[in-house]
Amino acid sequence: FGFEIFIGNQSNKSFWDEFYSKVGN
C-alpha cells in the first residue's frame, strides 16, 4: 500500500541505529 515497514524491537538500540542509518532523519 506504499508504506515502508521495518521489523524490529523498539527497546533495542541496535534496531534504532540500523533504522536511522537507512531512513535518515
PDB file of all heavy atoms in Angstrom:
ATOM      1  N   PHE A   1       0.815  -1.216   0.000  1.00  0.00           N
ATOM      2  CA  PHE A   1       0.000   0.000   0.000  1.00  0.00           C
ATOM      3  C   PHE A   1       0.852   1.271   0.000  1.00  0.00           C
ATOM      4  O   PHE A   1       0.349   2.366   0.192  1.00  0.00           O
ATOM      5  CB  PHE A   1      -0.950   0.010   1.206  1.00  0.00           C
ATOM      6  CG  PHE A   1      -1.916  -1.130   1.194  1.00  0.00           C
ATOM      7  CD1 PHE A   1      -1.730  -2.218   2.029  1.00  0.00           C
ATOM      8  CD2 PHE A   1      -3.014  -1.129   0.339  1.00  0.00           C
ATOM      9  CE1 PHE A   1      -2.624  -3.276   2.026  1.00  0.00           C
ATOM     10  CE2 PHE A   1      -3.912  -2.186   0.324  1.00  0.00           C
ATOM     11  CZ  PHE A   1      -3.711  -3.264   1.168  1.00  0.00           C
ATOM     12  N   GLY A   2       2.161   1.091  -0.175  1.00  0.00           N
ATOM     13  CA  GLY A   2       3.049   2.249  -0.271  1.00  0.00           C
ATOM     14  C   GLY A   2       3.743   2.643   1.018  1.00  0.00           C
ATOM     15  O   GLY A   2       4.428   3.656   1.053  1.00  0.00           O
ATOM     16  N   PHE A   3       3.579   1.868   2.065  1.00  0.00           N
ATOM     17  CA  PHE A   3       4.259   2.143   3.325  1.00  0.00           C
ATOM     18  C   PHE A   3       5.620   1.465   3.329  1.00  0.00           C
ATOM     19  O   PHE A   3       5.815   0.451   2.673  1.00  0.00           O
ATOM     20  CB  PHE A   3       3.453   1.631   4.518  1.00  0.00           C
ATOM     21  CG  PHE A   3       2.064   2.185   4.604  1.00  0.00           C
ATOM     22  CD1 PHE A   3       0.966   1.382   4.363  1.00  0.00           C
ATOM     23  CD2 PHE A   3       1.861   3.518   4.926  1.00  0.00           C
ATOM     24  CE1 PHE A   3      -0.321   1.895   4.440  1.00  0.00           C
ATOM     25  CE2 PHE A   3       0.583   4.041   5.002  1.00  0.00           C
ATOM     26  CZ  PHE A   3      -0.513   3.230   4.763  1.00  0.00           C
ATOM     27  N   GLU A   4       6.549   2.030   4.073  1.00  0.00           N
ATOM     28  CA  GLU A   4       7.805   1.343   4.355  1.00  0.00           C
ATOM     29  C   GLU A   4       7.636   0.708   5.728  1.00  0.00           C
ATOM     30  O   GLU A   4       7.195   1.361   6.665  1.00  0.00           O
ATOM     31  CB  GLU A   4       8.972   2.335   4.394  1.00  0.00           C
ATOM     32  CG  GLU A   4       9.253   2.996   3.067  1.00  0.00           C
ATOM     33  CD  GLU A   4      10.307   4.065   3.210  1.00  0.00           C
ATOM     34  OE1 GLU A   4      11.456   3.743   3.580  1.00  0.00           O
ATOM     35  OE2 GLU A   4       9.973   5.244   2.960  1.00  0.00           O
ATOM     36  N   ILE A   5       7.990  -0.549   5.835  1.00  0.00           N
ATOM     37  CA  ILE A   5       7.808  -1.266   7.090  1.00  0.00           C
ATOM     38  C   ILE A   5       9.149  -1.847   7.536  1.00  0.00           C
ATOM     39  O   ILE A   5       9.830  -2.525   6.764  1.00  0.00           O
ATOM     40  CB  ILE A   5       6.784  -2.416   6.953  1.00  0.00           C
ATOM     41  CG1 ILE A   5       5.436  -1.900   6.410  1.00  0.00           C
ATOM     42  CG2 ILE A   5       6.611  -3.140   8.278  1.00  0.00           C
ATOM     43  CD1 ILE A   5       4.704  -0.929   7.312  1.00  0.00           C
ATOM     44  N   PHE A   6       9.498  -1.573   8.782  1.00  0.00           N
ATOM     45  CA  PHE A   6      10.697  -2.132   9.390  1.00  0.00           C
ATOM     46  C   PHE A   6      10.262  -3.041  10.531  1.00  0.00           C
ATOM     47  O   PHE A   6       9.382  -2.670  11.314  1.00  0.00           O
ATOM     48  CB  PHE A   6      11.610  -1.027   9.931  1.00  0.00           C
ATOM     49  CG  PHE A   6      12.302  -0.258   8.846  1.00  0.00           C
ATOM     50  CD1 PHE A   6      11.647   0.753   8.166  1.00  0.00           C
ATOM     51  CD2 PHE A   6      13.605  -0.557   8.490  1.00  0.00           C
ATOM     52  CE1 PHE A   6      12.276   1.449   7.159  1.00  0.00           C
ATOM     53  CE2 PHE A   6      14.249   0.130   7.484  1.00  0.00           C
ATOM     54  CZ  PHE A   6      13.579   1.138   6.807  1.00  0.00           C
ATOM     55  N   ILE A   7      10.870  -4.197  10.599  1.00  0.00           N
ATOM     56  CA  ILE A   7      10.561  -5.160  11.655  1.00  0.00           C
ATOM     57  C   ILE A   7      11.668  -5.071  12.703  1.00  0.00           C
ATOM     58  O   ILE A   7      12.856  -5.204  12.375  1.00  0.00           O
ATOM     59  CB  ILE A   7      10.470  -6.594  11.099  1.00  0.00           C
ATOM     60  CG1 ILE A   7       9.451  -6.664   9.956  1.00  0.00           C
ATOM     61  CG2 ILE A   7      10.134  -7.577  12.213  1.00  0.00           C
ATOM     62  CD1 ILE A   7       8.048  -6.207  10.316  1.00  0.00           C
ATOM     63  N   GLY A   8      11.280  -4.805  13.939  1.00  0.00           N
ATOM     64  CA  GLY A   8      12.271  -4.704  14.990  1.00  0.00           C
ATOM     65  C   GLY A   8      11.664  -4.374  16.331  1.00  0.00           C
ATOM     66  O   GLY A   8      10.478  -4.097  16.449  1.00  0.00           O
ATOM     67  N   ASN A   9      12.528  -4.370  17.323  1.00  0.00           N
ATOM     68  CA  ASN A   9      12.146  -4.144  18.712  1.00  0.00           C
ATOM     69  C   ASN A   9      12.509  -2.720  19.107  1.00  0.00           C
ATOM     70  O   ASN A   9      13.675  -2.338  19.086  1.00  0.00           O
ATOM     71  CB  ASN A   9      12.896  -5.153  19.593  1.00  0.00           C
ATOM     72  CG  ASN A   9      12.552  -5.040  21.048  1.00  0.00           C
ATOM     73  OD1 ASN A   9      12.028  -4.029  21.514  1.00  0.00           O
ATOM     74  ND2 ASN A   9      12.865  -6.081  21.791  1.00  0.00           N
ATOM     75  N   GLN A  10      11.524  -1.941  19.484  1.00  0.00           N
ATOM     76  CA  GLN A  10      11.752  -0.541  19.821  1.00  0.00           C
ATOM     77  C   GLN A  10      12.607  -0.352  21.067  1.00  0.00           C
ATOM     78  O   GLN A  10      13.107   0.746  21.309  1.00  0.00           O
ATOM     79  CB  GLN A  10      10.427   0.211  19.950  1.00  0.00           C
ATOM     80  CG  GLN A  10       9.681  -0.069  21.244  1.00  0.00           C
ATOM     81  CD  GLN A  10       8.352   0.629  21.323  1.00  0.00           C
ATOM     82  OE1 GLN A  10       7.337   0.013  21.111  1.00  0.00           O
ATOM     83  NE2 GLN A  10       8.351   1.914  21.617  1.00  0.00           N
ATOM     84  N   SER A  11      12.813  -1.401  21.838  1.00  0.00           N
ATOM     85  CA  SER A  11      13.662  -1.310  23.028  1.00  0.00           C
ATOM     86  C   SER A  11      15.130  -1.560  22.719  1.00  0.00           C
ATOM     87  O   SER A  11      15.972  -1.456  23.600  1.00  0.00           O
ATOM     88  CB  SER A  11      13.221  -2.334  24.075  1.00  0.00           C
ATOM     89  OG  SER A  11      11.906  -2.086  24.484  1.00  0.00           O
ATOM     90  N   ASN A  12      15.438  -1.872  21.478  1.00  0.00           N
ATOM     91  CA  ASN A  12      16.772  -2.286  21.088  1.00  0.00           C
ATOM     92  C   ASN A  12      17.528  -1.156  20.382  1.00  0.00           C
ATOM     93  O   ASN A  12      17.148  -0.737  19.289  1.00  0.00           O
ATOM     94  CB  ASN A  12      16.656  -3.504  20.168  1.00  0.00           C
ATOM     95  CG  ASN A  12      17.963  -4.110  19.808  1.00  0.00           C
ATOM     96  OD1 ASN A  12      18.903  -3.414  19.454  1.00  0.00           O
ATOM     97  ND2 ASN A  12      18.031  -5.421  19.861  1.00  0.00           N
ATOM     98  N   LYS A  13      18.594  -0.660  21.002  1.00  0.00           N
ATOM     99  CA  LYS A  13      19.379   0.430  20.413  1.00  0.00           C
ATOM    100  C   LYS A  13      19.925   0.061  19.045  1.00  0.00           C
ATOM    101  O   LYS A  13      19.951   0.899  18.135  1.00  0.00           O
ATOM    102  CB  LYS A  13      20.516   0.835  21.347  1.00  0.00           C
ATOM    103  CG  LYS A  13      21.331   1.994  20.791  1.00  0.00           C
ATOM    104  CD  LYS A  13      22.478   2.364  21.691  1.00  0.00           C
ATOM    105  CE  LYS A  13      23.323   3.497  21.206  1.00  0.00           C
ATOM    106  NZ  LYS A  13      23.274   3.897  19.827  1.00  0.00           N
ATOM    107  N   SER A  14      20.352  -1.178  18.860  1.00  0.00           N
ATOM    108  CA  SER A  14      20.878  -1.614  17.557  1.00  0.00           C
ATOM    109  C   SER A  14      19.821  -1.494  16.468  1.00  0.00           C
ATOM    110  O   SER A  14      20.127  -1.126  15.330  1.00  0.00           O
ATOM    111  CB  SER A  14      21.377  -3.054  17.630  1.00  0.00           C
ATOM    112  OG  SER A  14      22.447  -3.158  18.520  1.00  0.00           O
ATOM    113  N   PHE A  15      18.567  -1.805  16.819  1.00  0.00           N
ATOM    114  CA  PHE A  15      17.481  -1.634  15.850  1.00  0.00           C
ATOM    115  C   PHE A  15      17.399  -0.188  15.406  1.00  0.00           C
ATOM    116  O   PHE A  15      17.329   0.120  14.216  1.00  0.00           O
ATOM    117  CB  PHE A  15      16.129  -2.090  16.411  1.00  0.00           C
ATOM    118  CG  PHE A  15      14.990  -1.611  15.563  1.00  0.00           C
ATOM    119  CD1 PHE A  15      14.691  -2.238  14.368  1.00  0.00           C
ATOM    120  CD2 PHE A  15      14.271  -0.479  15.930  1.00  0.00           C
ATOM    121  CE1 PHE A  15      13.673  -1.762  13.553  1.00  0.00           C
ATOM    122  CE2 PHE A  15      13.250   0.009  15.129  1.00  0.00           C
ATOM    123  CZ  PHE A  15      12.944  -0.639  13.935  1.00  0.00           C
ATOM    124  N   TRP A  16      17.393   0.732  16.378  1.00  0.00           N
ATOM    125  CA  TRP A  16      17.273   2.151  16.043  1.00  0.00           C
ATOM    126  C   TRP A  16      18.473   2.644  15.233  1.00  0.00           C
ATOM    127  O   TRP A  16      18.314   3.423  14.295  1.00  0.00           O
ATOM    128  CB  TRP A  16      17.098   2.994  17.310  1.00  0.00           C
ATOM    129  CG  TRP A  16      15.738   2.823  17.897  1.00  0.00           C
ATOM    130  CD1 TRP A  16      15.423   2.220  19.078  1.00  0.00           C
ATOM    131  CD2 TRP A  16      14.492   3.246  17.329  1.00  0.00           C
ATOM    132  NE1 TRP A  16      14.061   2.250  19.279  1.00  0.00           N
ATOM    133  CE2 TRP A  16      13.475   2.879  18.219  1.00  0.00           C
ATOM    134  CE3 TRP A  16      14.152   3.907  16.155  1.00  0.00           C
ATOM    135  CZ2 TRP A  16      12.130   3.141  17.969  1.00  0.00           C
ATOM    136  CZ3 TRP A  16      12.808   4.172  15.902  1.00  0.00           C
ATOM    137  CH2 TRP A  16      11.819   3.790  16.805  1.00  0.00           C
ATOM    138  N   ASP A  17      19.675   2.193  15.574  1.00  0.00           N
ATOM    139  CA  ASP A  17      20.864   2.590  14.813  1.00  0.00           C
ATOM    140  C   ASP A  17      20.727   2.168  13.353  1.00  0.00           C
ATOM    141  O   ASP A  17      20.991   2.957  12.439  1.00  0.00           O
ATOM    142  CB  ASP A  17      22.128   1.976  15.424  1.00  0.00           C
ATOM    143  CG  ASP A  17      22.494   2.568  16.769  1.00  0.00           C
ATOM    144  OD1 ASP A  17      21.978   3.655  17.125  1.00  0.00           O
ATOM    145  OD2 ASP A  17      23.294   1.930  17.493  1.00  0.00           O
ATOM    146  N   GLU A  18      20.301   0.939  13.141  1.00  0.00           N
ATOM    147  CA  GLU A  18      20.129   0.444  11.771  1.00  0.00           C
ATOM    148  C   GLU A  18      18.992   1.179  11.061  1.00  0.00           C
ATOM    149  O   GLU A  18      19.104   1.561   9.892  1.00  0.00           O
ATOM    150  CB  GLU A  18      19.857  -1.057  11.782  1.00  0.00           C
ATOM    151  CG  GLU A  18      19.757  -1.649  10.392  1.00  0.00           C
ATOM    152  CD  GLU A  18      19.556  -3.159  10.403  1.00  0.00           C
ATOM    153  OE1 GLU A  18      19.853  -3.808  11.423  1.00  0.00           O
ATOM    154  OE2 GLU A  18      19.093  -3.672   9.364  1.00  0.00           O
ATOM    155  N   PHE A  19      17.892   1.389  11.774  1.00  0.00           N
ATOM    156  CA  PHE A  19      16.742   2.088  11.200  1.00  0.00           C
ATOM    157  C   PHE A  19      17.147   3.472  10.697  1.00  0.00           C
ATOM    158  O   PHE A  19      16.910   3.822   9.546  1.00  0.00           O
ATOM    159  CB  PHE A  19      15.627   2.196  12.255  1.00  0.00           C
ATOM    160  CG  PHE A  19      14.470   3.041  11.829  1.00  0.00           C
ATOM    161  CD1 PHE A  19      13.509   2.535  10.968  1.00  0.00           C
ATOM    162  CD2 PHE A  19      14.342   4.345  12.289  1.00  0.00           C
ATOM    163  CE1 PHE A  19      12.429   3.329  10.561  1.00  0.00           C
ATOM    164  CE2 PHE A  19      13.272   5.137  11.899  1.00  0.00           C
ATOM    165  CZ  PHE A  19      12.317   4.630  11.035  1.00  0.00           C
ATOM    166  N   TYR A  20      17.774   4.277  11.564  1.00  0.00           N
ATOM    167  CA  TYR A  20      18.130   5.636  11.166  1.00  0.00           C
ATOM    168  C   TYR A  20      19.254   5.671  10.137  1.00  0.00           C
ATOM    169  O   TYR A  20      19.335   6.611   9.340  1.00  0.00           O
ATOM    170  CB  TYR A  20      18.447   6.497  12.393  1.00  0.00           C
ATOM    171  CG  TYR A  20      17.189   6.907  13.119  1.00  0.00           C
ATOM    172  CD1 TYR A  20      16.916   6.468  14.406  1.00  0.00           C
ATOM    173  CD2 TYR A  20      16.244   7.719  12.500  1.00  0.00           C
ATOM    174  CE1 TYR A  20      15.746   6.832  15.059  1.00  0.00           C
ATOM    175  CE2 TYR A  20      15.075   8.090  13.144  1.00  0.00           C
ATOM    176  CZ  TYR A  20      14.832   7.644  14.419  1.00  0.00           C
ATOM    177  OH  TYR A  20      13.673   8.009  15.050  1.00  0.00           O
ATOM    178  N   SER A  21      20.097   4.646  10.091  1.00  0.00           N
ATOM    179  CA  SER A  21      21.125   4.602   9.047  1.00  0.00           C
ATOM    180  C   SER A  21      20.483   4.393   7.678  1.00  0.00           C
ATOM    181  O   SER A  21      21.024   4.831   6.662  1.00  0.00           O
ATOM    182  CB  SER A  21      22.157   3.509   9.330  1.00  0.00           C
ATOM    183  OG  SER A  21      21.648   2.228   9.052  1.00  0.00           O
ATOM    184  N   LYS A  22      19.309   3.769   7.646  1.00  0.00           N
ATOM    185  CA  LYS A  22      18.606   3.525   6.379  1.00  0.00           C
ATOM    186  C   LYS A  22      17.674   4.662   5.983  1.00  0.00           C
ATOM    187  O   LYS A  22      17.566   4.976   4.804  1.00  0.00           O
ATOM    188  CB  LYS A  22      17.822   2.219   6.456  1.00  0.00           C
ATOM    189  CG  LYS A  22      18.723   1.002   6.495  1.00  0.00           C
ATOM    190  CD  LYS A  22      17.925  -0.279   6.561  1.00  0.00           C
ATOM    191  CE  LYS A  22      18.875  -1.467   6.586  1.00  0.00           C
ATOM    192  NZ  LYS A  22      18.173  -2.732   6.768  1.00  0.00           N
ATOM    193  N   VAL A  23      16.987   5.258   6.955  1.00  0.00           N
ATOM    194  CA  VAL A  23      15.975   6.261   6.604  1.00  0.00           C
ATOM    195  C   VAL A  23      16.444   7.694   6.812  1.00  0.00           C
ATOM    196  O   VAL A  23      15.832   8.627   6.307  1.00  0.00           O
ATOM    197  CB  VAL A  23      14.640   6.043   7.358  1.00  0.00           C
ATOM    198  CG1 VAL A  23      14.102   4.657   7.106  1.00  0.00           C
ATOM    199  CG2 VAL A  23      14.761   6.331   8.829  1.00  0.00           C
ATOM    200  N   GLY A  24      17.519   7.897   7.545  1.00  0.00           N
ATOM    201  CA  GLY A  24      17.969   9.253   7.839  1.00  0.00           C
ATOM    202  C   GLY A  24      17.087   9.915   8.877  1.00  0.00           C
ATOM    203  O   GLY A  24      16.273   9.267   9.547  1.00  0.00           O
ATOM    204  N   ASN A  25      17.260  11.210   9.008  1.00  0.00           N
ATOM    205  CA  ASN A  25      16.447  11.957   9.965  1.00  0.00           C
ATOM    206  C   ASN A  25      15.005  12.032   9.489  1.00  0.00           C
ATOM    207  O   ASN A  25      14.727  11.920   8.295  1.00  0.00           O
ATOM    208  CB  ASN A  25      17.014  13.356  10.160  1.00  0.00           C
ATOM    209  CG  ASN A  25      18.291  13.358  10.963  1.00  0.00           C
ATOM    210  OD1 ASN A  25      18.861  12.309  11.245  1.00  0.00           O
ATOM    211  ND2 ASN A  25      18.760  14.527  11.319  1.00  0.00           N
TER     212      ASN A  25
END
